[in-house]
Full PDB file with SEQRES, HELIX, SHEET, SSBOND, CRYST1, ORIGX, SCALE, CONECT and MASTER records, all heavy atoms in Angstrom:
SEQRES   1 A   39  THR ALA LEU ALA ARG ILE MET LYS LYS ARG ARG ASP GLU          
SEQRES   2 A   39  GLY LYS SER LEU ASP GLN MET PHE VAL ILE SER PRO PHE          
SEQRES   3 A   39  ARG ALA VAL VAL ASN GLY ILE THR ASN LYS LEU PRO LYS          
HELIX    1 AA1 ALA A    2  ASP A   12  1                                  11    
HELIX    2 AA2 LEU A   17  GLN A   19  5                                   3    
HELIX    3 AA3 ARG A   27  LYS A   36  1                                  10    
CRYST1    1.000    1.000    1.000  90.00  90.00  90.00 P 1           1          
ORIGX1      1.000000  0.000000  0.000000        0.00000                         
ORIGX2      0.000000  1.000000  0.000000        0.00000                         
ORIGX3      0.000000  0.000000  1.000000        0.00000                         
SCALE1      1.000000  0.000000  0.000000        0.00000                         
SCALE2      0.000000  1.000000  0.000000        0.00000                         
SCALE3      0.000000  0.000000  1.000000        0.00000                         
ATOM      1  N   THR A   1       0.840  -1.197   0.000  1.00  0.00           N  
ATOM      2  CA  THR A   1       0.000   0.000   0.000  1.00  0.00           C  
ATOM      3  C   THR A   1       0.875   1.247   0.000  1.00  0.00           C  
ATOM      4  O   THR A   1       0.620   2.207  -0.746  1.00  0.00           O  
ATOM      5  CB  THR A   1      -0.922   0.001   1.228  1.00  0.00           C  
ATOM      6  OG1 THR A   1      -1.731  -1.186   1.214  1.00  0.00           O  
ATOM      7  CG2 THR A   1      -1.826   1.228   1.232  1.00  0.00           C  
ATOM      8  N   ALA A   2       1.920   1.246   0.824  1.00  0.00           N  
ATOM      9  CA  ALA A   2       2.847   2.381   0.850  1.00  0.00           C  
ATOM     10  C   ALA A   2       3.588   2.505  -0.477  1.00  0.00           C  
ATOM     11  O   ALA A   2       3.797   3.620  -0.993  1.00  0.00           O  
ATOM     12  CB  ALA A   2       3.836   2.213   1.996  1.00  0.00           C  
ATOM     13  N   LEU A   3       3.978   1.375  -1.052  1.00  0.00           N  
ATOM     14  CA  LEU A   3       4.661   1.367  -2.345  1.00  0.00           C  
ATOM     15  C   LEU A   3       3.790   1.989  -3.425  1.00  0.00           C  
ATOM     16  O   LEU A   3       4.246   2.851  -4.198  1.00  0.00           O  
ATOM     17  CB  LEU A   3       5.022  -0.073  -2.721  1.00  0.00           C  
ATOM     18  CG  LEU A   3       5.446  -0.325  -4.165  1.00  0.00           C  
ATOM     19  CD1 LEU A   3       6.774   0.355  -4.454  1.00  0.00           C  
ATOM     20  CD2 LEU A   3       5.528  -1.830  -4.448  1.00  0.00           C  
ATOM     21  N   ALA A   4       2.534   1.547  -3.511  1.00  0.00           N  
ATOM     22  CA  ALA A   4       1.636   2.055  -4.545  1.00  0.00           C  
ATOM     23  C   ALA A   4       1.423   3.552  -4.416  1.00  0.00           C  
ATOM     24  O   ALA A   4       1.350   4.274  -5.425  1.00  0.00           O  
ATOM     25  CB  ALA A   4       0.295   1.314  -4.464  1.00  0.00           C  
ATOM     26  N   ARG A   5       1.350   4.044  -3.191  1.00  0.00           N  
ATOM     27  CA  ARG A   5       1.139   5.478  -2.981  1.00  0.00           C  
ATOM     28  C   ARG A   5       2.303   6.285  -3.556  1.00  0.00           C  
ATOM     29  O   ARG A   5       2.095   7.300  -4.238  1.00  0.00           O  
ATOM     30  CB  ARG A   5       0.958   5.761  -1.487  1.00  0.00           C  
ATOM     31  CG  ARG A   5       0.606   7.216  -1.162  1.00  0.00           C  
ATOM     32  CD  ARG A   5       0.413   7.420   0.334  1.00  0.00           C  
ATOM     33  NE  ARG A   5      -0.692   6.606   0.822  1.00  0.00           N  
ATOM     34  CZ  ARG A   5      -0.585   5.638   1.718  1.00  0.00           C  
ATOM     35  NH1 ARG A   5       0.615   5.342   2.216  1.00  0.00           N  
ATOM     36  NH2 ARG A   5      -1.634   4.962   2.110  1.00  0.00           N  
ATOM     37  N   ILE A   6       3.516   5.846  -3.293  1.00  0.00           N  
ATOM     38  CA  ILE A   6       4.687   6.570  -3.798  1.00  0.00           C  
ATOM     39  C   ILE A   6       4.805   6.422  -5.313  1.00  0.00           C  
ATOM     40  O   ILE A   6       5.152   7.375  -6.027  1.00  0.00           O  
ATOM     41  CB  ILE A   6       5.971   6.060  -3.113  1.00  0.00           C  
ATOM     42  CG1 ILE A   6       5.898   6.289  -1.605  1.00  0.00           C  
ATOM     43  CG2 ILE A   6       7.203   6.768  -3.676  1.00  0.00           C  
ATOM     44  CD1 ILE A   6       5.790   7.745  -1.209  1.00  0.00           C  
ATOM     45  N   MET A   7       4.520   5.238  -5.818  1.00  0.00           N  
ATOM     46  CA  MET A   7       4.580   5.034  -7.263  1.00  0.00           C  
ATOM     47  C   MET A   7       3.602   5.946  -7.993  1.00  0.00           C  
ATOM     48  O   MET A   7       3.930   6.540  -9.034  1.00  0.00           O  
ATOM     49  CB  MET A   7       4.291   3.571  -7.604  1.00  0.00           C  
ATOM     50  CG  MET A   7       5.398   2.596  -7.224  1.00  0.00           C  
ATOM     51  SD  MET A   7       4.986   0.874  -7.648  1.00  0.00           S  
ATOM     52  CE  MET A   7       4.905   0.978  -9.434  1.00  0.00           C  
ATOM     53  N   LYS A   8       2.388   6.064  -7.480  1.00  0.00           N  
ATOM     54  CA  LYS A   8       1.387   6.946  -8.104  1.00  0.00           C  
ATOM     55  C   LYS A   8       1.836   8.397  -8.046  1.00  0.00           C  
ATOM     56  O   LYS A   8       1.669   9.147  -9.015  1.00  0.00           O  
ATOM     57  CB  LYS A   8       0.046   6.782  -7.387  1.00  0.00           C  
ATOM     58  CG  LYS A   8      -0.617   5.435  -7.614  1.00  0.00           C  
ATOM     59  CD  LYS A   8      -1.892   5.311  -6.784  1.00  0.00           C  
ATOM     60  CE  LYS A   8      -2.538   3.952  -6.943  1.00  0.00           C  
ATOM     61  NZ  LYS A   8      -3.751   3.805  -6.096  1.00  0.00           N  
ATOM     62  N   LYS A   9       2.437   8.788  -6.928  1.00  0.00           N  
ATOM     63  CA  LYS A   9       2.912  10.162  -6.792  1.00  0.00           C  
ATOM     64  C   LYS A   9       4.003  10.456  -7.815  1.00  0.00           C  
ATOM     65  O   LYS A   9       3.991  11.500  -8.475  1.00  0.00           O  
ATOM     66  CB  LYS A   9       3.435  10.389  -5.368  1.00  0.00           C  
ATOM     67  CG  LYS A   9       3.908  11.814  -5.072  1.00  0.00           C  
ATOM     68  CD  LYS A   9       4.297  11.947  -3.610  1.00  0.00           C  
ATOM     69  CE  LYS A   9       4.647  13.387  -3.266  1.00  0.00           C  
ATOM     70  NZ  LYS A   9       5.846  13.863  -3.986  1.00  0.00           N  
ATOM     71  N   ARG A  10       4.945   9.536  -7.961  1.00  0.00           N  
ATOM     72  CA  ARG A  10       6.023   9.740  -8.921  1.00  0.00           C  
ATOM     73  C   ARG A  10       5.507   9.721 -10.367  1.00  0.00           C  
ATOM     74  O   ARG A  10       6.000  10.467 -11.218  1.00  0.00           O  
ATOM     75  CB  ARG A  10       7.109   8.670  -8.741  1.00  0.00           C  
ATOM     76  CG  ARG A  10       7.846   8.709  -7.406  1.00  0.00           C  
ATOM     77  CD  ARG A  10       8.396  10.097  -7.072  1.00  0.00           C  
ATOM     78  NE  ARG A  10       9.123  10.690  -8.170  1.00  0.00           N  
ATOM     79  CZ  ARG A  10      10.426  10.498  -8.388  1.00  0.00           C  
ATOM     80  NH1 ARG A  10      11.121   9.735  -7.555  1.00  0.00           N  
ATOM     81  NH2 ARG A  10      11.026  11.088  -9.397  1.00  0.00           N  
ATOM     82  N   ARG A  11       4.503   8.886 -10.616  1.00  0.00           N  
ATOM     83  CA  ARG A  11       3.907   8.856 -11.956  1.00  0.00           C  
ATOM     84  C   ARG A  11       3.213  10.193 -12.257  1.00  0.00           C  
ATOM     85  O   ARG A  11       3.333  10.718 -13.370  1.00  0.00           O  
ATOM     86  CB  ARG A  11       2.911   7.708 -12.063  1.00  0.00           C  
ATOM     87  CG  ARG A  11       2.331   7.536 -13.461  1.00  0.00           C  
ATOM     88  CD  ARG A  11       1.287   6.446 -13.506  1.00  0.00           C  
ATOM     89  NE  ARG A  11       0.179   6.712 -12.601  1.00  0.00           N  
ATOM     90  CZ  ARG A  11      -0.955   6.004 -12.573  1.00  0.00           C  
ATOM     91  NH1 ARG A  11      -1.102   4.980 -13.396  1.00  0.00           N  
ATOM     92  NH2 ARG A  11      -1.902   6.288 -11.714  1.00  0.00           N  
ATOM     93  N   ASP A  12       2.530  10.740 -11.271  1.00  0.00           N  
ATOM     94  CA  ASP A  12       1.861  12.027 -11.460  1.00  0.00           C  
ATOM     95  C   ASP A  12       2.862  13.149 -11.701  1.00  0.00           C  
ATOM     96  O   ASP A  12       2.538  14.167 -12.331  1.00  0.00           O  
ATOM     97  CB  ASP A  12       0.996  12.364 -10.240  1.00  0.00           C  
ATOM     98  CG  ASP A  12      -0.191  11.418 -10.088  1.00  0.00           C  
ATOM     99  OD1 ASP A  12      -0.536  10.728 -11.096  1.00  0.00           O  
ATOM    100  OD2 ASP A  12      -0.763  11.336  -8.990  1.00  0.00           O  
ATOM    101  N   GLU A  13       4.074  12.960 -11.191  1.00  0.00           N  
ATOM    102  CA  GLU A  13       5.132  13.948 -11.402  1.00  0.00           C  
ATOM    103  C   GLU A  13       5.832  13.779 -12.753  1.00  0.00           C  
ATOM    104  O   GLU A  13       6.744  14.550 -13.086  1.00  0.00           O  
ATOM    105  CB  GLU A  13       6.167  13.850 -10.278  1.00  0.00           C  
ATOM    106  CG  GLU A  13       5.618  14.229  -8.910  1.00  0.00           C  
ATOM    107  CD  GLU A  13       6.586  13.912  -7.771  1.00  0.00           C  
ATOM    108  OE1 GLU A  13       7.576  13.200  -8.019  1.00  0.00           O  
ATOM    109  OE2 GLU A  13       6.336  14.371  -6.641  1.00  0.00           O  
ATOM    110  N   GLY A  14       5.411  12.762 -13.510  1.00  0.00           N  
ATOM    111  CA  GLY A  14       5.959  12.579 -14.844  1.00  0.00           C  
ATOM    112  C   GLY A  14       6.950  11.445 -15.004  1.00  0.00           C  
ATOM    113  O   GLY A  14       7.514  11.258 -16.088  1.00  0.00           O  
ATOM    114  N   LYS A  15       7.166  10.668 -13.944  1.00  0.00           N  
ATOM    115  CA  LYS A  15       8.117   9.555 -14.026  1.00  0.00           C  
ATOM    116  C   LYS A  15       7.404   8.301 -14.539  1.00  0.00           C  
ATOM    117  O   LYS A  15       6.412   7.854 -13.982  1.00  0.00           O  
ATOM    118  CB  LYS A  15       8.741   9.282 -12.663  1.00  0.00           C  
ATOM    119  CG  LYS A  15       9.775   8.174 -12.644  1.00  0.00           C  
ATOM    120  CD  LYS A  15      10.962   8.490 -13.519  1.00  0.00           C  
ATOM    121  CE  LYS A  15      11.785   9.642 -13.005  1.00  0.00           C  
ATOM    122  NZ  LYS A  15      12.996   9.864 -13.836  1.00  0.00           N  
ATOM    123  N   SER A  16       7.921   7.727 -15.608  1.00  0.00           N  
ATOM    124  CA  SER A  16       7.318   6.545 -16.202  1.00  0.00           C  
ATOM    125  C   SER A  16       7.522   5.316 -15.319  1.00  0.00           C  
ATOM    126  O   SER A  16       8.582   5.146 -14.694  1.00  0.00           O  
ATOM    127  CB  SER A  16       7.943   6.292 -17.580  1.00  0.00           C  
ATOM    128  OG  SER A  16       7.587   5.017 -18.069  1.00  0.00           O  
ATOM    129  N   LEU A  17       6.512   4.455 -15.266  1.00  0.00           N  
ATOM    130  CA  LEU A  17       6.639   3.216 -14.507  1.00  0.00           C  
ATOM    131  C   LEU A  17       7.729   2.317 -15.091  1.00  0.00           C  
ATOM    132  O   LEU A  17       8.283   1.475 -14.389  1.00  0.00           O  
ATOM    133  CB  LEU A  17       5.309   2.459 -14.495  1.00  0.00           C  
ATOM    134  CG  LEU A  17       4.142   3.116 -13.746  1.00  0.00           C  
ATOM    135  CD1 LEU A  17       2.915   2.215 -13.808  1.00  0.00           C  
ATOM    136  CD2 LEU A  17       4.503   3.414 -12.303  1.00  0.00           C  
ATOM    137  N   ASP A  18       8.034   2.505 -16.378  1.00  0.00           N  
ATOM    138  CA  ASP A  18       9.084   1.704 -17.008  1.00  0.00           C  
ATOM    139  C   ASP A  18      10.469   2.059 -16.480  1.00  0.00           C  
ATOM    140  O   ASP A  18      11.433   1.329 -16.746  1.00  0.00           O  
ATOM    141  CB  ASP A  18       9.059   1.896 -18.530  1.00  0.00           C  
ATOM    142  CG  ASP A  18       7.860   1.215 -19.165  1.00  0.00           C  
ATOM    143  OD1 ASP A  18       7.325   0.259 -18.552  1.00  0.00           O  
ATOM    144  OD2 ASP A  18       7.447   1.640 -20.256  1.00  0.00           O  
ATOM    145  N   GLN A  19      10.583   3.151 -15.739  1.00  0.00           N  
ATOM    146  CA  GLN A  19      11.853   3.541 -15.135  1.00  0.00           C  
ATOM    147  C   GLN A  19      11.873   3.261 -13.636  1.00  0.00           C  
ATOM    148  O   GLN A  19      12.584   3.928 -12.885  1.00  0.00           O  
ATOM    149  CB  GLN A  19      12.140   5.013 -15.419  1.00  0.00           C  
ATOM    150  CG  GLN A  19      12.635   5.274 -16.831  1.00  0.00           C  
ATOM    151  CD  GLN A  19      13.917   4.496 -17.125  1.00  0.00           C  
ATOM    152  OE1 GLN A  19      14.818   4.415 -16.314  1.00  0.00           O  
ATOM    153  NE2 GLN A  19      13.980   3.903 -18.309  1.00  0.00           N  
ATOM    154  N   MET A  20      11.066   2.278 -13.211  1.00  0.00           N  
ATOM    155  CA  MET A  20      11.008   1.908 -11.801  1.00  0.00           C  
ATOM    156  C   MET A  20      11.266   0.421 -11.644  1.00  0.00           C  
ATOM    157  O   MET A  20      10.776  -0.393 -12.431  1.00  0.00           O  
ATOM    158  CB  MET A  20       9.633   2.245 -11.208  1.00  0.00           C  
ATOM    159  CG  MET A  20       9.255   3.704 -11.265  1.00  0.00           C  
ATOM    160  SD  MET A  20       7.637   4.012 -10.503  1.00  0.00           S  
ATOM    161  CE  MET A  20       7.359   5.721 -10.968  1.00  0.00           C  
ATOM    162  N   PHE A  21      12.039   0.057 -10.618  1.00  0.00           N  
ATOM    163  CA  PHE A  21      12.227  -1.326 -10.198  1.00  0.00           C  
ATOM    164  C   PHE A  21      11.683  -1.483  -8.787  1.00  0.00           C  
ATOM    165  O   PHE A  21      11.846  -0.580  -7.950  1.00  0.00           O  
ATOM    166  CB  PHE A  21      13.703  -1.724 -10.180  1.00  0.00           C  
ATOM    167  CG  PHE A  21      14.310  -1.973 -11.538  1.00  0.00           C  
ATOM    168  CD1 PHE A  21      15.687  -1.928 -11.697  1.00  0.00           C  
ATOM    169  CD2 PHE A  21      13.532  -2.269 -12.642  1.00  0.00           C  
ATOM    170  CE1 PHE A  21      16.269  -2.155 -12.933  1.00  0.00           C  
ATOM    171  CE2 PHE A  21      14.096  -2.507 -13.885  1.00  0.00           C  
ATOM    172  CZ  PHE A  21      15.471  -2.445 -14.032  1.00  0.00           C  
ATOM    173  N   VAL A  22      11.062  -2.615  -8.513  1.00  0.00           N  
ATOM    174  CA  VAL A  22      10.613  -2.966  -7.165  1.00  0.00           C  
ATOM    175  C   VAL A  22      11.311  -4.261  -6.790  1.00  0.00           C  
ATOM    176  O   VAL A  22      11.108  -5.293  -7.444  1.00  0.00           O  
ATOM    177  CB  VAL A  22       9.081  -3.139  -7.102  1.00  0.00           C  
ATOM    178  CG1 VAL A  22       8.655  -3.488  -5.672  1.00  0.00           C  
ATOM    179  CG2 VAL A  22       8.370  -1.885  -7.591  1.00  0.00           C  
ATOM    180  N   ILE A  23      12.147  -4.231  -5.769  1.00  0.00           N  
ATOM    181  CA  ILE A  23      12.964  -5.397  -5.434  1.00  0.00           C  
ATOM    182  C   ILE A  23      12.866  -5.709  -3.944  1.00  0.00           C  
ATOM    183  O   ILE A  23      12.501  -4.852  -3.137  1.00  0.00           O  
ATOM    184  CB  ILE A  23      14.441  -5.194  -5.836  1.00  0.00           C  
ATOM    185  CG1 ILE A  23      15.027  -3.977  -5.122  1.00  0.00           C  
ATOM    186  CG2 ILE A  23      14.574  -5.024  -7.346  1.00  0.00           C  
ATOM    187  CD1 ILE A  23      16.486  -3.700  -5.497  1.00  0.00           C  
ATOM    188  N   SER A  24      13.192  -6.940  -3.613  1.00  0.00           N  
ATOM    189  CA  SER A  24      13.153  -7.387  -2.214  1.00  0.00           C  
ATOM    190  C   SER A  24      14.170  -8.502  -2.023  1.00  0.00           C  
ATOM    191  O   SER A  24      14.507  -9.218  -2.971  1.00  0.00           O  
ATOM    192  CB  SER A  24      11.750  -7.896  -1.855  1.00  0.00           C  
ATOM    193  OG  SER A  24      11.744  -8.453  -0.541  1.00  0.00           O  
ATOM    194  N   PRO A  25      14.648  -8.673  -0.798  1.00  0.00           N  
ATOM    195  CA  PRO A  25      15.543  -9.819  -0.539  1.00  0.00           C  
ATOM    196  C   PRO A  25      14.829 -11.163  -0.589  1.00  0.00           C  
ATOM    197  O   PRO A  25      15.480 -12.199  -0.704  1.00  0.00           O  
ATOM    198  CB  PRO A  25      16.058  -9.551   0.885  1.00  0.00           C  
ATOM    199  CG  PRO A  25      15.742  -8.123   1.169  1.00  0.00           C  
ATOM    200  CD  PRO A  25      14.519  -7.802   0.377  1.00  0.00           C  
ATOM    201  N   PHE A  26      13.472 -11.154  -0.506  1.00  0.00           N  
ATOM    202  CA  PHE A  26      12.742 -12.389  -0.256  1.00  0.00           C  
ATOM    203  C   PHE A  26      11.773 -12.721  -1.382  1.00  0.00           C  
ATOM    204  O   PHE A  26      11.008 -11.864  -1.836  1.00  0.00           O  
ATOM    205  CB  PHE A  26      11.974 -12.293   1.067  1.00  0.00           C  
ATOM    206  CG  PHE A  26      12.835 -11.881   2.227  1.00  0.00           C  
ATOM    207  CD1 PHE A  26      12.742 -10.602   2.760  1.00  0.00           C  
ATOM    208  CD2 PHE A  26      13.756 -12.759   2.777  1.00  0.00           C  
ATOM    209  CE1 PHE A  26      13.540 -10.213   3.828  1.00  0.00           C  
ATOM    210  CE2 PHE A  26      14.564 -12.381   3.847  1.00  0.00           C  
ATOM    211  CZ  PHE A  26      14.453 -11.108   4.370  1.00  0.00           C  
ATOM    212  N   ARG A  27      11.757 -13.980  -1.790  1.00  0.00           N  
ATOM    213  CA  ARG A  27      10.842 -14.444  -2.816  1.00  0.00           C  
ATOM    214  C   ARG A  27       9.390 -14.304  -2.372  1.00  0.00           C  
ATOM    215  O   ARG A  27       8.517 -13.958  -3.186  1.00  0.00           O  
ATOM    216  CB  ARG A  27      11.174 -15.906  -3.152  1.00  0.00           C  
ATOM    217  CG  ARG A  27      10.176 -16.625  -4.051  1.00  0.00           C  
ATOM    218  CD  ARG A  27       9.899 -15.920  -5.348  1.00  0.00           C  
ATOM    219  NE  ARG A  27      11.088 -15.669  -6.132  1.00  0.00           N  
ATOM    220  CZ  ARG A  27      11.089 -14.969  -7.253  1.00  0.00           C  
ATOM    221  NH1 ARG A  27       9.952 -14.413  -7.684  1.00  0.00           N  
ATOM    222  NH2 ARG A  27      12.199 -14.780  -7.924  1.00  0.00           N  
ATOM    223  N   ALA A  28       9.098 -14.562  -1.098  1.00  0.00           N  
ATOM    224  CA  ALA A  28       7.717 -14.447  -0.608  1.00  0.00           C  
ATOM    225  C   ALA A  28       7.210 -13.018  -0.735  1.00  0.00           C  
ATOM    226  O   ALA A  28       6.037 -12.790  -1.045  1.00  0.00           O  
ATOM    227  CB  ALA A  28       7.635 -14.916   0.849  1.00  0.00           C  
ATOM    228  N   VAL A  29       8.079 -12.048  -0.497  1.00  0.00           N  
ATOM    229  CA  VAL A  29       7.683 -10.641  -0.634  1.00  0.00           C  
ATOM    230  C   VAL A  29       7.430 -10.310  -2.100  1.00  0.00           C  
ATOM    231  O   VAL A  29       6.463  -9.624  -2.445  1.00  0.00           O  
ATOM    232  CB  VAL A  29       8.763  -9.711  -0.037  1.00  0.00           C  
ATOM    233  CG1 VAL A  29       8.417  -8.251  -0.295  1.00  0.00           C  
ATOM    234  CG2 VAL A  29       8.897  -9.962   1.456  1.00  0.00           C  
ATOM    235  N   VAL A  30       8.286 -10.792  -2.982  1.00  0.00           N  
ATOM    236  CA  VAL A  30       8.093 -10.568  -4.420  1.00  0.00           C  
ATOM    237  C   VAL A  30       6.756 -11.149  -4.874  1.00  0.00           C  
ATOM    238  O   VAL A  30       5.997 -10.507  -5.610  1.00  0.00           O  
ATOM    239  CB  VAL A  30       9.251 -11.186  -5.223  1.00  0.00           C  
ATOM    240  CG1 VAL A  30       8.948 -11.187  -6.723  1.00  0.00           C  
ATOM    241  CG2 VAL A  30      10.542 -10.427  -4.948  1.00  0.00           C  
ATOM    242  N   ASN A  31       6.447 -12.358  -4.428  1.00  0.00           N  
ATOM    243  CA  ASN A  31       5.164 -12.969  -4.795  1.00  0.00           C  
ATOM    244  C   ASN A  31       3.990 -12.159  -4.268  1.00  0.00           C  
ATOM    245  O   ASN A  31       2.983 -11.977  -4.957  1.00  0.00           O  
ATOM    246  CB  ASN A  31       5.095 -14.400  -4.252  1.00  0.00           C  
ATOM    247  CG  ASN A  31       6.078 -15.330  -4.940  1.00  0.00           C  
ATOM    248  OD1 ASN A  31       6.536 -15.064  -6.040  1.00  0.00           O  
ATOM    249  ND2 ASN A  31       6.417 -16.429  -4.282  1.00  0.00           N  
ATOM    250  N   GLY A  32       4.112 -11.662  -3.037  1.00  0.00           N  
ATOM    251  CA  GLY A  32       3.045 -10.853  -2.459  1.00  0.00           C  
ATOM    252  C   GLY A  32       2.843  -9.548  -3.217  1.00  0.00           C  
ATOM    253  O   GLY A  32       1.707  -9.111  -3.458  1.00  0.00           O  
ATOM    254  N   ILE A  33       3.946  -8.911  -3.608  1.00  0.00           N  
ATOM    255  CA  ILE A  33       3.864  -7.671  -4.386  1.00  0.00           C  
ATOM    256  C   ILE A  33       3.203  -7.949  -5.733  1.00  0.00           C  
ATOM    257  O   ILE A  33       2.326  -7.191  -6.187  1.00  0.00           O  
ATOM    258  CB  ILE A  33       5.271  -7.076  -4.596  1.00  0.00           C  
ATOM    259  CG1 ILE A  33       5.857  -6.620  -3.266  1.00  0.00           C  
ATOM    260  CG2 ILE A  33       5.222  -5.902  -5.574  1.00  0.00           C  
ATOM    261  CD1 ILE A  33       7.332  -6.260  -3.334  1.00  0.00           C  
ATOM    262  N   THR A  34       3.591  -9.028  -6.380  1.00  0.00           N  
ATOM    263  CA  THR A  34       3.037  -9.378  -7.685  1.00  0.00           C  
ATOM    264  C   THR A  34       1.535  -9.576  -7.625  1.00  0.00           C  
ATOM    265  O   THR A  34       0.792  -9.194  -8.546  1.00  0.00           O  
ATOM    266  CB  THR A  34       3.715 -10.663  -8.212  1.00  0.00           C  
ATOM    267  OG1 THR A  34       5.123 -10.435  -8.324  1.00  0.00           O  
ATOM    268  CG2 THR A  34       3.168 -11.058  -9.568  1.00  0.00           C  
ATOM    269  N   ASN A  35       1.048 -10.157  -6.535  1.00  0.00           N  
ATOM    270  CA  ASN A  35      -0.391 -10.399  -6.394  1.00  0.00           C  
ATOM    271  C   ASN A  35      -1.172  -9.156  -5.976  1.00  0.00           C  
ATOM    272  O   ASN A  35      -2.293  -8.936  -6.438  1.00  0.00           O  
ATOM    273  CB  ASN A  35      -0.624 -11.510  -5.358  1.00  0.00           C  
ATOM    274  CG  ASN A  35      -0.128 -12.863  -5.841  1.00  0.00           C  
ATOM    275  OD1 ASN A  35      -0.133 -13.142  -7.031  1.00  0.00           O  
ATOM    276  ND2 ASN A  35       0.322 -13.694  -4.916  1.00  0.00           N  
ATOM    277  N   LYS A  36      -0.579  -8.324  -5.131  1.00  0.00           N  
ATOM    278  CA  LYS A  36      -1.330  -7.216  -4.531  1.00  0.00           C  
ATOM    279  C   LYS A  36      -1.185  -5.896  -5.285  1.00  0.00           C  
ATOM    280  O   LYS A  36      -2.135  -5.098  -5.331  1.00  0.00           O  
ATOM    281  CB  LYS A  36      -0.896  -7.029  -3.068  1.00  0.00           C  
ATOM    282  CG  LYS A  36      -1.664  -5.951  -2.307  1.00  0.00           C  
ATOM    283  CD  LYS A  36      -1.285  -5.918  -0.839  1.00  0.00           C  
ATOM    284  CE  LYS A  36      -1.930  -4.737  -0.109  1.00  0.00           C  
ATOM    285  NZ  LYS A  36      -3.405  -4.719  -0.227  1.00  0.00           N  
ATOM    286  N   LEU A  37      -0.029  -5.638  -5.878  1.00  0.00           N  
ATOM    287  CA  LEU A  37       0.204  -4.321  -6.474  1.00  0.00           C  
ATOM    288  C   LEU A  37      -0.797  -3.968  -7.579  1.00  0.00           C  
ATOM    289  O   LEU A  37      -1.284  -2.825  -7.615  1.00  0.00           O  
ATOM    290  CB  LEU A  37       1.638  -4.236  -7.003  1.00  0.00           C  
ATOM    291  CG  LEU A  37       2.086  -2.859  -7.507  1.00  0.00           C  
ATOM    292  CD1 LEU A  37       2.012  -1.822  -6.395  1.00  0.00           C  
ATOM    293  CD2 LEU A  37       3.517  -2.922  -8.046  1.00  0.00           C  
ATOM    294  N   PRO A  38      -1.151  -4.886  -8.498  1.00  0.00           N  
ATOM    295  CA  PRO A  38      -2.136  -4.506  -9.528  1.00  0.00           C  
ATOM    296  C   PRO A  38      -3.473  -4.052  -8.937  1.00  0.00           C  
ATOM    297  O   PRO A  38      -4.156  -3.204  -9.523  1.00  0.00           O  
ATOM    298  CB  PRO A  38      -2.295  -5.791 -10.351  1.00  0.00           C  
ATOM    299  CG  PRO A  38      -1.024  -6.539 -10.142  1.00  0.00           C  
ATOM    300  CD  PRO A  38      -0.621  -6.241  -8.719  1.00  0.00           C  
ATOM    301  N   LYS A  39      -3.855  -4.599  -7.786  1.00  0.00           N  
ATOM    302  CA  LYS A  39      -5.126  -4.229  -7.159  1.00  0.00           C  
ATOM    303  C   LYS A  39      -5.093  -2.828  -6.564  1.00  0.00           C  
ATOM    304  O   LYS A  39      -6.136  -2.212  -6.334  1.00  0.00           O  
ATOM    305  CB  LYS A  39      -5.467  -5.239  -6.063  1.00  0.00           C  
ATOM    306  CG  LYS A  39      -5.578  -6.679  -6.566  1.00  0.00           C  
ATOM    307  CD  LYS A  39      -5.735  -7.665  -5.426  1.00  0.00           C  
ATOM    308  CE  LYS A  39      -5.719  -9.103  -5.940  1.00  0.00           C  
ATOM    309  NZ  LYS A  39      -5.771 -10.096  -4.827  1.00  0.00           N  
TER     310      LYS A  39                                                      
MASTER        0    0    0    3    0    0    0    6  309    1    0    3          
END                                                                             
């Protein structure tokens, strides 16, 4: 939820999502982001 808020703010400022990476040390976190972020 915090990630999406910042991503939307940066997008509104003109930064393309194609110039963003979302990374984590943990596979479980990556899977959770993949499932939840589109929503």
